[in-house]
Amino acid sequence: MNEDTLHLLSECAAGTDMAIRSLEDVLKNSAEGPLQKRLLDSKRQHEQLAAQAADRLRGQGKEPKRADPAARASVRRRPAPSAMTISVPRPPRRA
């Protein structure tokens, strides 16, 4: 595997790591139901991708890259969806 491919695979490993951590954060605040099921399915898929990337990297003598701690911290600092407000324009009133 060439160096560019290894670098790309390493970045994918870091991305899946950050996705898994973000999904775990969201799951902590999600109620049981269809959304939680989809989140869990997505987390499992990302865990499988992370394992595949790690196996391939280790096969080339490299360790998988973890998500940058600063990037993880910025994700945690974002307001929770319930704290955000969305302004939706209303249609004009008919006379």
PDB file of N, CA and C in Angstrom:
ATOM      1  N   MET A   1       0.860  -1.170   0.000  1.00  0.00           N
ATOM      2  CA  MET A   1       0.000   0.000   0.000  1.00  0.00           C
ATOM      3  C   MET A   1       0.908   1.235   0.000  1.00  0.00           C
ATOM      4  N   ASN A   2       0.603   2.204  -0.856  1.00  0.00           N
ATOM      5  CA  ASN A   2       1.475   3.391  -0.892  1.00  0.00           C
ATOM      6  C   ASN A   2       1.149   4.349   0.260  1.00  0.00           C
ATOM      7  N   GLU A   3       2.025   5.323   0.468  1.00  0.00           N
ATOM      8  CA  GLU A   3       1.900   6.247   1.613  1.00  0.00           C
ATOM      9  C   GLU A   3       0.620   7.079   1.553  1.00  0.00           C
ATOM     10  N   ASP A   4       0.204   7.500   0.361  1.00  0.00           N
ATOM     11  CA  ASP A   4      -1.033   8.285   0.241  1.00  0.00           C
ATOM     12  C   ASP A   4      -2.242   7.467   0.693  1.00  0.00           C
ATOM     13  N   THR A   5      -2.276   6.210   0.308  1.00  0.00           N
ATOM     14  CA  THR A   5      -3.377   5.335   0.706  1.00  0.00           C
ATOM     15  C   THR A   5      -3.371   5.107   2.207  1.00  0.00           C
ATOM     16  N   LEU A   6      -2.189   4.907   2.776  1.00  0.00           N
ATOM     17  CA  LEU A   6      -2.084   4.728   4.227  1.00  0.00           C
ATOM     18  C   LEU A   6      -2.541   5.984   4.968  1.00  0.00           C
ATOM     19  N   HIS A   7      -2.169   7.142   4.447  1.00  0.00           N
ATOM     20  CA  HIS A   7      -2.586   8.407   5.079  1.00  0.00           C
ATOM     21  C   HIS A   7      -4.105   8.555   5.015  1.00  0.00           C
ATOM     22  N   LEU A   8      -4.688   8.257   3.861  1.00  0.00           N
ATOM     23  CA  LEU A   8      -6.138   8.353   3.708  1.00  0.00           C
ATOM     24  C   LEU A   8      -6.851   7.374   4.640  1.00  0.00           C
ATOM     25  N   LEU A   9      -6.340   6.168   4.727  1.00  0.00           N
ATOM     26  CA  LEU A   9      -6.928   5.162   5.615  1.00  0.00           C
ATOM     27  C   LEU A   9      -6.820   5.587   7.077  1.00  0.00           C
ATOM     28  N   SER A  10      -5.706   6.223   7.419  1.00  0.00           N
ATOM     29  CA  SER A  10      -5.519   6.729   8.780  1.00  0.00           C
ATOM     30  C   SER A  10      -6.532   7.835   9.099  1.00  0.00           C
ATOM     31  N   GLU A  11      -6.775   8.705   8.137  1.00  0.00           N
ATOM     32  CA  GLU A  11      -7.770   9.766   8.324  1.00  0.00           C
ATOM     33  C   GLU A  11      -9.174   9.182   8.446  1.00  0.00           C
ATOM     34  N   CYS A  12      -9.448   8.126   7.692  1.00  0.00           N
ATOM     35  CA  CYS A  12     -10.746   7.442   7.805  1.00  0.00           C
ATOM     36  C   CYS A  12     -10.913   6.844   9.196  1.00  0.00           C
ATOM     37  N   ALA A  13      -9.835   6.276   9.728  1.00  0.00           N
ATOM     38  CA  ALA A  13      -9.887   5.710  11.080  1.00  0.00           C
ATOM     39  C   ALA A  13     -10.209   6.796  12.099  1.00  0.00           C
ATOM     40  N   ALA A  14      -9.594   7.958  11.945  1.00  0.00           N
ATOM     41  CA  ALA A  14      -9.865   9.071  12.865  1.00  0.00           C
ATOM     42  C   ALA A  14     -11.307   9.555  12.715  1.00  0.00           C
ATOM     43  N   GLY A  15     -11.793   9.612  11.486  1.00  0.00           N
ATOM     44  CA  GLY A  15     -13.175  10.049  11.249  1.00  0.00           C
ATOM     45  C   GLY A  15     -14.192   9.096  11.842  1.00  0.00           C
ATOM     46  N   THR A  16     -13.950   7.802  11.696  1.00  0.00           N
ATOM     47  CA  THR A  16     -14.890   6.842  12.276  1.00  0.00           C
ATOM     48  C   THR A  16     -14.843   6.892  13.798  1.00  0.00           C
ATOM     49  N   ASP A  17     -13.654   7.138  14.349  1.00  0.00           N
ATOM     50  CA  ASP A  17     -13.519   7.282  15.804  1.00  0.00           C
ATOM     51  C   ASP A  17     -14.358   8.464  16.299  1.00  0.00           C
ATOM     52  N   MET A  18     -14.264   9.588  15.600  1.00  0.00           N
ATOM     53  CA  MET A  18     -15.033  10.761  16.013  1.00  0.00           C
ATOM     54  C   MET A  18     -16.531  10.525  15.827  1.00  0.00           C
ATOM     55  N   ALA A  19     -16.916   9.836  14.760  1.00  0.00           N
ATOM     56  CA  ALA A  19     -18.333   9.542  14.533  1.00  0.00           C
ATOM     57  C   ALA A  19     -18.890   8.654  15.643  1.00  0.00           C
ATOM     58  N   ILE A  20     -18.126   7.647  16.036  1.00  0.00           N
ATOM     59  CA  ILE A  20     -18.567   6.743  17.106  1.00  0.00           C
ATOM     60  C   ILE A  20     -18.755   7.515  18.408  1.00  0.00           C
ATOM     61  N   ARG A  21     -17.801   8.365  18.734  1.00  0.00           N
ATOM     62  CA  ARG A  21     -17.915   9.154  19.973  1.00  0.00           C
ATOM     63  C   ARG A  21     -19.102  10.113  19.918  1.00  0.00           C
ATOM     64  N   SER A  22     -19.342  10.712  18.770  1.00  0.00           N
ATOM     65  CA  SER A  22     -20.484  11.624  18.626  1.00  0.00           C
ATOM     66  C   SER A  22     -21.804  10.865  18.759  1.00  0.00           C
ATOM     67  N   LEU A  23     -21.872   9.695  18.130  1.00  0.00           N
ATOM     68  CA  LEU A  23     -23.087   8.880  18.247  1.00  0.00           C
ATOM     69  C   LEU A  23     -23.320   8.459  19.693  1.00  0.00           C
ATOM     70  N   GLU A  24     -22.252   8.129  20.414  1.00  0.00           N
ATOM     71  CA  GLU A  24     -22.398   7.775  21.831  1.00  0.00           C
ATOM     72  C   GLU A  24     -22.949   8.948  22.623  1.00  0.00           C
ATOM     73  N   ASP A  25     -22.473  10.164  22.332  1.00  0.00           N
ATOM     74  CA  ASP A  25     -22.982  11.351  23.026  1.00  0.00           C
ATOM     75  C   ASP A  25     -24.466  11.562  22.754  1.00  0.00           C
ATOM     76  N   VAL A  26     -24.875  11.385  21.500  1.00  0.00           N
ATOM     77  CA  VAL A  26     -26.286  11.571  21.143  1.00  0.00           C
ATOM     78  C   VAL A  26     -27.139  10.482  21.771  1.00  0.00           C
ATOM     79  N   LEU A  27     -26.629   9.251  21.775  1.00  0.00           N
ATOM     80  CA  LEU A  27     -27.394   8.137  22.346  1.00  0.00           C
ATOM     81  C   LEU A  27     -27.660   8.317  23.833  1.00  0.00           C
ATOM     82  N   LYS A  28     -26.771   9.003  24.533  1.00  0.00           N
ATOM     83  CA  LYS A  28     -26.978   9.236  25.967  1.00  0.00           C
ATOM     84  C   LYS A  28     -28.256  10.032  26.220  1.00  0.00           C
ATOM     85  N   ASN A  29     -28.638  10.852  25.241  1.00  0.00           N
ATOM     86  CA  ASN A  29     -29.796  11.736  25.421  1.00  0.00           C
ATOM     87  C   ASN A  29     -30.973  11.362  24.534  1.00  0.00           C
ATOM     88  N   SER A  30     -30.954  10.167  23.963  1.00  0.00           N
ATOM     89  CA  SER A  30     -32.055   9.801  23.071  1.00  0.00           C
ATOM     90  C   SER A  30     -33.007   8.840  23.775  1.00  0.00           C
ATOM     91  N   ALA A  31     -34.265   9.014  23.467  1.00  0.00           N
ATOM     92  CA  ALA A  31     -35.291   8.133  24.023  1.00  0.00           C
ATOM     93  C   ALA A  31     -35.370   6.872  23.168  1.00  0.00           C
ATOM     94  N   GLU A  32     -35.875   5.811  23.775  1.00  0.00           N
ATOM     95  CA  GLU A  32     -36.046   4.571  23.014  1.00  0.00           C
ATOM     96  C   GLU A  32     -37.048   4.813  21.900  1.00  0.00           C
ATOM     97  N   GLY A  33     -36.775   4.225  20.768  1.00  0.00           N
ATOM     98  CA  GLY A  33     -37.681   4.366  19.637  1.00  0.00           C
ATOM     99  C   GLY A  33     -36.931   4.216  18.333  1.00  0.00           C
ATOM    100  N   PRO A  34     -37.574   4.573  17.229  1.00  0.00           N
ATOM    101  CA  PRO A  34     -36.971   4.373  15.910  1.00  0.00           C
ATOM    102  C   PRO A  34     -35.659   5.151  15.727  1.00  0.00           C
ATOM    103  N   LEU A  35     -35.596   6.372  16.250  1.00  0.00           N
ATOM    104  CA  LEU A  35     -34.370   7.159  16.102  1.00  0.00           C
ATOM    105  C   LEU A  35     -33.217   6.489  16.836  1.00  0.00           C
ATOM    106  N   GLN A  36     -33.462   6.044  18.044  1.00  0.00           N
ATOM    107  CA  GLN A  36     -32.399   5.387  18.804  1.00  0.00           C
ATOM    108  C   GLN A  36     -31.925   4.122  18.090  1.00  0.00           C
ATOM    109  N   LYS A  37     -32.836   3.380  17.501  1.00  0.00           N
ATOM    110  CA  LYS A  37     -32.463   2.176  16.758  1.00  0.00           C
ATOM    111  C   LYS A  37     -31.559   2.534  15.583  1.00  0.00           C
ATOM    112  N   ARG A  38     -31.899   3.583  14.863  1.00  0.00           N
ATOM    113  CA  ARG A  38     -31.075   4.001  13.724  1.00  0.00           C
ATOM    114  C   ARG A  38     -29.712   4.479  14.183  1.00  0.00           C
ATOM    115  N   LEU A  39     -29.672   5.186  15.307  1.00  0.00           N
ATOM    116  CA  LEU A  39     -28.391   5.638  15.848  1.00  0.00           C
ATOM    117  C   LEU A  39     -27.514   4.445  16.236  1.00  0.00           C
ATOM    118  N   LEU A  40     -28.124   3.442  16.875  1.00  0.00           N
ATOM    119  CA  LEU A  40     -27.376   2.244  17.264  1.00  0.00           C
ATOM    120  C   LEU A  40     -26.869   1.485  16.034  1.00  0.00           C
ATOM    121  N   ASP A  41     -27.709   1.386  14.999  1.00  0.00           N
ATOM    122  CA  ASP A  41     -27.288   0.731  13.757  1.00  0.00           C
ATOM    123  C   ASP A  41     -26.107   1.468  13.133  1.00  0.00           C
ATOM    124  N   SER A  42     -26.186   2.785  13.114  1.00  0.00           N
ATOM    125  CA  SER A  42     -25.110   3.592  12.548  1.00  0.00           C
ATOM    126  C   SER A  42     -23.821   3.425  13.361  1.00  0.00           C
ATOM    127  N   LYS A  43     -23.962   3.388  14.674  1.00  0.00           N
ATOM    128  CA  LYS A  43     -22.789   3.201  15.530  1.00  0.00           C
ATOM    129  C   LYS A  43     -22.133   1.855  15.245  1.00  0.00           C
ATOM    130  N   ARG A  44     -22.939   0.798  15.103  1.00  0.00           N
ATOM    131  CA  ARG A  44     -22.384  -0.532  14.795  1.00  0.00           C
ATOM    132  C   ARG A  44     -21.657  -0.532  13.452  1.00  0.00           C
ATOM    133  N   GLN A  45     -22.244   0.132  12.459  1.00  0.00           N
ATOM    134  CA  GLN A  45     -21.607   0.208  11.141  1.00  0.00           C
ATOM    135  C   GLN A  45     -20.268   0.942  11.233  1.00  0.00           C
ATOM    136  N   HIS A  46     -20.239   2.034  11.981  1.00  0.00           N
ATOM    137  CA  HIS A  46     -18.989   2.785  12.140  1.00  0.00           C
ATOM    138  C   HIS A  46     -17.946   1.966  12.903  1.00  0.00           C
ATOM    139  N   GLU A  47     -18.400   1.191  13.883  1.00  0.00           N
ATOM    140  CA  GLU A  47     -17.459   0.333  14.613  1.00  0.00           C
ATOM    141  C   GLU A  47     -16.859  -0.729  13.686  1.00  0.00           C
ATOM    142  N   GLN A  48     -17.675  -1.264  12.784  1.00  0.00           N
ATOM    143  CA  GLN A  48     -17.167  -2.244  11.818  1.00  0.00           C
ATOM    144  C   GLN A  48     -16.151  -1.596  10.877  1.00  0.00           C
ATOM    145  N   LEU A  49     -16.469  -0.391  10.396  1.00  0.00           N
ATOM    146  CA  LEU A  49     -15.534   0.321   9.522  1.00  0.00           C
ATOM    147  C   LEU A  49     -14.228   0.638  10.255  1.00  0.00           C
ATOM    148  N   ALA A  50     -14.340   1.043  11.511  1.00  0.00           N
ATOM    149  CA  ALA A  50     -13.145   1.358  12.300  1.00  0.00           C
ATOM    150  C   ALA A  50     -12.275   0.119  12.474  1.00  0.00           C
ATOM    151  N   ALA A  51     -12.907  -1.031  12.722  1.00  0.00           N
ATOM    152  CA  ALA A  51     -12.161  -2.278  12.897  1.00  0.00           C
ATOM    153  C   ALA A  51     -11.463  -2.678  11.598  1.00  0.00           C
ATOM    154  N   GLN A  52     -12.152  -2.520  10.474  1.00  0.00           N
ATOM    155  CA  GLN A  52     -11.551  -2.850   9.176  1.00  0.00           C
ATOM    156  C   GLN A  52     -10.357  -1.945   8.883  1.00  0.00           C
ATOM    157  N   ALA A  53     -10.518  -0.641   9.136  1.00  0.00           N
ATOM    158  CA  ALA A  53      -9.420   0.302   8.898  1.00  0.00           C
ATOM    159  C   ALA A  53      -8.239  -0.032   9.803  1.00  0.00           C
ATOM    160  N   ALA A  54      -8.514  -0.328  11.066  1.00  0.00           N
ATOM    161  CA  ALA A  54      -7.441  -0.656  12.018  1.00  0.00           C
ATOM    162  C   ALA A  54      -6.705  -1.930  11.590  1.00  0.00           C
ATOM    163  N   ASP A  55      -7.449  -2.934  11.151  1.00  0.00           N
ATOM    164  CA  ASP A  55      -6.826  -4.186  10.706  1.00  0.00           C
ATOM    165  C   ASP A  55      -5.904  -3.955   9.509  1.00  0.00           C
ATOM    166  N   ARG A  56      -6.372  -3.167   8.565  1.00  0.00           N
ATOM    167  CA  ARG A  56      -5.556  -2.903   7.372  1.00  0.00           C
ATOM    168  C   ARG A  56      -4.315  -2.081   7.722  1.00  0.00           C
ATOM    169  N   LEU A  57      -4.484  -1.097   8.590  1.00  0.00           N
ATOM    170  CA  LEU A  57      -3.327  -0.291   8.997  1.00  0.00           C
ATOM    171  C   LEU A  57      -2.315  -1.141   9.755  1.00  0.00           C
ATOM    172  N   ARG A  58      -2.792  -1.938  10.677  1.00  0.00           N
ATOM    173  CA  ARG A  58      -1.877  -2.793  11.442  1.00  0.00           C
ATOM    174  C   ARG A  58      -1.186  -3.812  10.538  1.00  0.00           C
ATOM    175  N   GLY A  59      -1.887  -4.248   9.517  1.00  0.00           N
ATOM    176  CA  GLY A  59      -1.285  -5.151   8.544  1.00  0.00           C
ATOM    177  C   GLY A  59      -0.122  -4.512   7.798  1.00  0.00           C
ATOM    178  N   GLN A  60      -0.100  -3.177   7.779  1.00  0.00           N
ATOM    179  CA  GLN A  60       0.980  -2.434   7.131  1.00  0.00           C
ATOM    180  C   GLN A  60       1.976  -1.880   8.157  1.00  0.00           C
ATOM    181  N   GLY A  61       1.820  -2.311   9.419  1.00  0.00           N
ATOM    182  CA  GLY A  61       2.744  -1.871  10.460  1.00  0.00           C
ATOM    183  C   GLY A  61       2.452  -0.486  11.016  1.00  0.00           C
ATOM    184  N   LYS A  62       1.243   0.017  10.832  1.00  0.00           N
ATOM    185  CA  LYS A  62       0.837   1.340  11.327  1.00  0.00           C
ATOM    186  C   LYS A  62      -0.264   1.184  12.361  1.00  0.00           C
ATOM    187  N   GLU A  63      -0.329   2.130  13.278  1.00  0.00           N
ATOM    188  CA  GLU A  63      -1.421   2.158  14.256  1.00  0.00           C
ATOM    189  C   GLU A  63      -2.503   3.099  13.743  1.00  0.00           C
ATOM    190  N   PRO A  64      -3.776   2.759  13.985  1.00  0.00           N
ATOM    191  CA  PRO A  64      -4.858   3.647  13.537  1.00  0.00           C
ATOM    192  C   PRO A  64      -4.789   4.995  14.242  1.00  0.00           C
ATOM    193  N   LYS A  65      -5.127   6.021  13.492  1.00  0.00           N
ATOM    194  CA  LYS A  65      -5.142   7.376  14.027  1.00  0.00           C
ATOM    195  C   LYS A  65      -6.448   7.597  14.782  1.00  0.00           C
ATOM    196  N   ARG A  66      -6.339   8.193  15.949  1.00  0.00           N
ATOM    197  CA  ARG A  66      -7.532   8.545  16.729  1.00  0.00           C
ATOM    198  C   ARG A  66      -7.953   9.958  16.353  1.00  0.00           C
ATOM    199  N   ALA A  67      -9.202  10.287  16.626  1.00  0.00           N
ATOM    200  CA  ALA A  67      -9.684  11.644  16.363  1.00  0.00           C
ATOM    201  C   ALA A  67      -8.899  12.630  17.211  1.00  0.00           C
ATOM    202  N   ASP A  68      -8.610  13.769  16.633  1.00  0.00           N
ATOM    203  CA  ASP A  68      -7.874  14.823  17.320  1.00  0.00           C
ATOM    204  C   ASP A  68      -8.661  15.272  18.556  1.00  0.00           C
ATOM    205  N   PRO A  69      -8.016  15.308  19.740  1.00  0.00           N
ATOM    206  CA  PRO A  69      -8.742  15.720  20.954  1.00  0.00           C
ATOM    207  C   PRO A  69      -9.387  17.093  20.834  1.00  0.00           C
ATOM    208  N   ALA A  70      -8.743  18.027  20.117  1.00  0.00           N
ATOM    209  CA  ALA A  70      -9.334  19.363  19.953  1.00  0.00           C
ATOM    210  C   ALA A  70     -10.615  19.287  19.132  1.00  0.00           C
ATOM    211  N   ALA A  71     -10.629  18.442  18.110  1.00  0.00           N
ATOM    212  CA  ALA A  71     -11.839  18.284  17.293  1.00  0.00           C
ATOM    213  C   ALA A  71     -12.957  17.656  18.111  1.00  0.00           C
ATOM    214  N   ARG A  72     -12.612  16.662  18.945  1.00  0.00           N
ATOM    215  CA  ARG A  72     -13.626  16.034  19.794  1.00  0.00           C
ATOM    216  C   ARG A  72     -14.191  17.040  20.784  1.00  0.00           C
ATOM    217  N   ALA A  73     -13.324  17.900  21.330  1.00  0.00           N
ATOM    218  CA  ALA A  73     -13.778  18.893  22.306  1.00  0.00           C
ATOM    219  C   ALA A  73     -14.714  19.900  21.649  1.00  0.00           C
ATOM    220  N   SER A  74     -14.432  20.285  20.398  1.00  0.00           N
ATOM    221  CA  SER A  74     -15.300  21.262  19.734  1.00  0.00           C
ATOM    222  C   SER A  74     -16.669  20.672  19.463  1.00  0.00           C
ATOM    223  N   VAL A  75     -16.735  19.376  19.207  1.00  0.00           N
ATOM    224  CA  VAL A  75     -18.034  18.727  19.008  1.00  0.00           C
ATOM    225  C   VAL A  75     -18.820  18.754  20.304  1.00  0.00           C
ATOM    226  N   ARG A  76     -18.156  18.525  21.421  1.00  0.00           N
ATOM    227  CA  ARG A  76     -18.853  18.509  22.720  1.00  0.00           C
ATOM    228  C   ARG A  76     -19.327  19.893  23.134  1.00  0.00           C
ATOM    229  N   ARG A  77     -18.656  20.962  22.660  1.00  0.00           N
ATOM    230  CA  ARG A  77     -19.030  22.310  23.068  1.00  0.00           C
ATOM    231  C   ARG A  77     -20.255  22.838  22.339  1.00  0.00           C
ATOM    232  N   ARG A  78     -20.666  22.175  21.288  1.00  0.00           N
ATOM    233  CA  ARG A  78     -21.840  22.635  20.553  1.00  0.00           C
ATOM    234  C   ARG A  78     -23.077  22.486  21.429  1.00  0.00           C
ATOM    235  N   PRO A  79     -24.020  23.418  21.297  1.00  0.00           N
ATOM    236  CA  PRO A  79     -25.234  23.303  22.116  1.00  0.00           C
ATOM    237  C   PRO A  79     -26.041  22.081  21.728  1.00  0.00           C
ATOM    238  N   ALA A  80     -26.729  21.556  22.704  1.00  0.00           N
ATOM    239  CA  ALA A  80     -27.605  20.407  22.459  1.00  0.00           C
ATOM    240  C   ALA A  80     -28.730  20.842  21.533  1.00  0.00           C
ATOM    241  N   PRO A  81     -29.241  19.943  20.698  1.00  0.00           N
ATOM    242  CA  PRO A  81     -30.301  20.321  19.766  1.00  0.00           C
ATOM    243  C   PRO A  81     -31.505  20.955  20.444  1.00  0.00           C
ATOM    244  N   SER A  82     -31.833  20.522  21.667  1.00  0.00           N
ATOM    245  CA  SER A  82     -32.987  21.105  22.351  1.00  0.00           C
ATOM    246  C   SER A  82     -32.735  22.548  22.756  1.00  0.00           C
ATOM    247  N   ALA A  83     -31.456  22.940  22.848  1.00  0.00           N
ATOM    248  CA  ALA A  83     -31.127  24.305  23.248  1.00  0.00           C
ATOM    249  C   ALA A  83     -31.075  25.249  22.046  1.00  0.00           C
ATOM    250  N   MET A  84     -31.061  24.692  20.852  1.00  0.00           N
ATOM    251  CA  MET A  84     -30.978  25.514  19.653  1.00  0.00           C
ATOM    252  C   MET A  84     -32.367  25.932  19.224  1.00  0.00           C
ATOM    253  N   THR A  85     -32.451  27.118  18.647  1.00  0.00           N
ATOM    254  CA  THR A  85     -33.726  27.567  18.117  1.00  0.00           C
ATOM    255  C   THR A  85     -33.598  27.694  16.608  1.00  0.00           C
ATOM    256  N   ILE A  86     -34.628  27.347  15.931  1.00  0.00           N
ATOM    257  CA  ILE A  86     -34.634  27.426  14.477  1.00  0.00           C
ATOM    258  C   ILE A  86     -35.729  28.388  14.085  1.00  0.00           C
ATOM    259  N   SER A  87     -35.356  29.365  13.284  1.00  0.00           N
ATOM    260  CA  SER A  87     -36.317  30.349  12.814  1.00  0.00           C
ATOM    261  C   SER A  87     -36.830  29.910  11.452  1.00  0.00           C
ATOM    262  N   VAL A  88     -38.115  29.658  11.377  1.00  0.00           N
ATOM    263  CA  VAL A  88     -38.727  29.235  10.127  1.00  0.00           C
ATOM    264  C   VAL A  88     -39.631  30.365   9.655  1.00  0.00           C
ATOM    265  N   PRO A  89     -39.379  30.868   8.453  1.00  0.00           N
ATOM    266  CA  PRO A  89     -40.226  31.966   7.971  1.00  0.00           C
ATOM    267  C   PRO A  89     -41.661  31.484   7.774  1.00  0.00           C
ATOM    268  N   ARG A  90     -42.583  32.332   8.147  1.00  0.00           N
ATOM    269  CA  ARG A  90     -43.993  32.003   7.981  1.00  0.00           C
ATOM    270  C   ARG A  90     -44.484  32.517   6.648  1.00  0.00           C
ATOM    271  N   PRO A  91     -45.424  31.808   6.051  1.00  0.00           N
ATOM    272  CA  PRO A  91     -45.964  32.288   4.777  1.00  0.00           C
ATOM    273  C   PRO A  91     -46.747  33.571   5.020  1.00  0.00           C
ATOM    274  N   PRO A  92     -46.810  34.421   4.003  1.00  0.00           N
ATOM    275  CA  PRO A  92     -47.572  35.688   4.165  1.00  0.00           C
ATOM    276  C   PRO A  92     -49.044  35.386   4.421  1.00  0.00           C
ATOM    277  N   ARG A  93     -49.652  36.255   5.221  1.00  0.00           N
ATOM    278  CA  ARG A  93     -51.087  36.099   5.514  1.00  0.00           C
ATOM    279  C   ARG A  93     -51.912  36.551   4.325  1.00  0.00           C
ATOM    280  N   ARG A  94     -52.985  35.808   4.133  1.00  0.00           N
ATOM    281  CA  ARG A  94     -53.916  36.197   3.056  1.00  0.00           C
ATOM    282  C   ARG A  94     -54.935  37.168   3.597  1.00  0.00           C
ATOM    283  N   ALA A  95     -55.238  38.097   2.783  1.00  0.00           N
ATOM    284  CA  ALA A  95     -56.202  39.120   3.212  1.00  0.00           C
ATOM    285  C   ALA A  95     -57.629  38.676   3.054  1.00  0.00           C
TER     286      ALA A  95
END
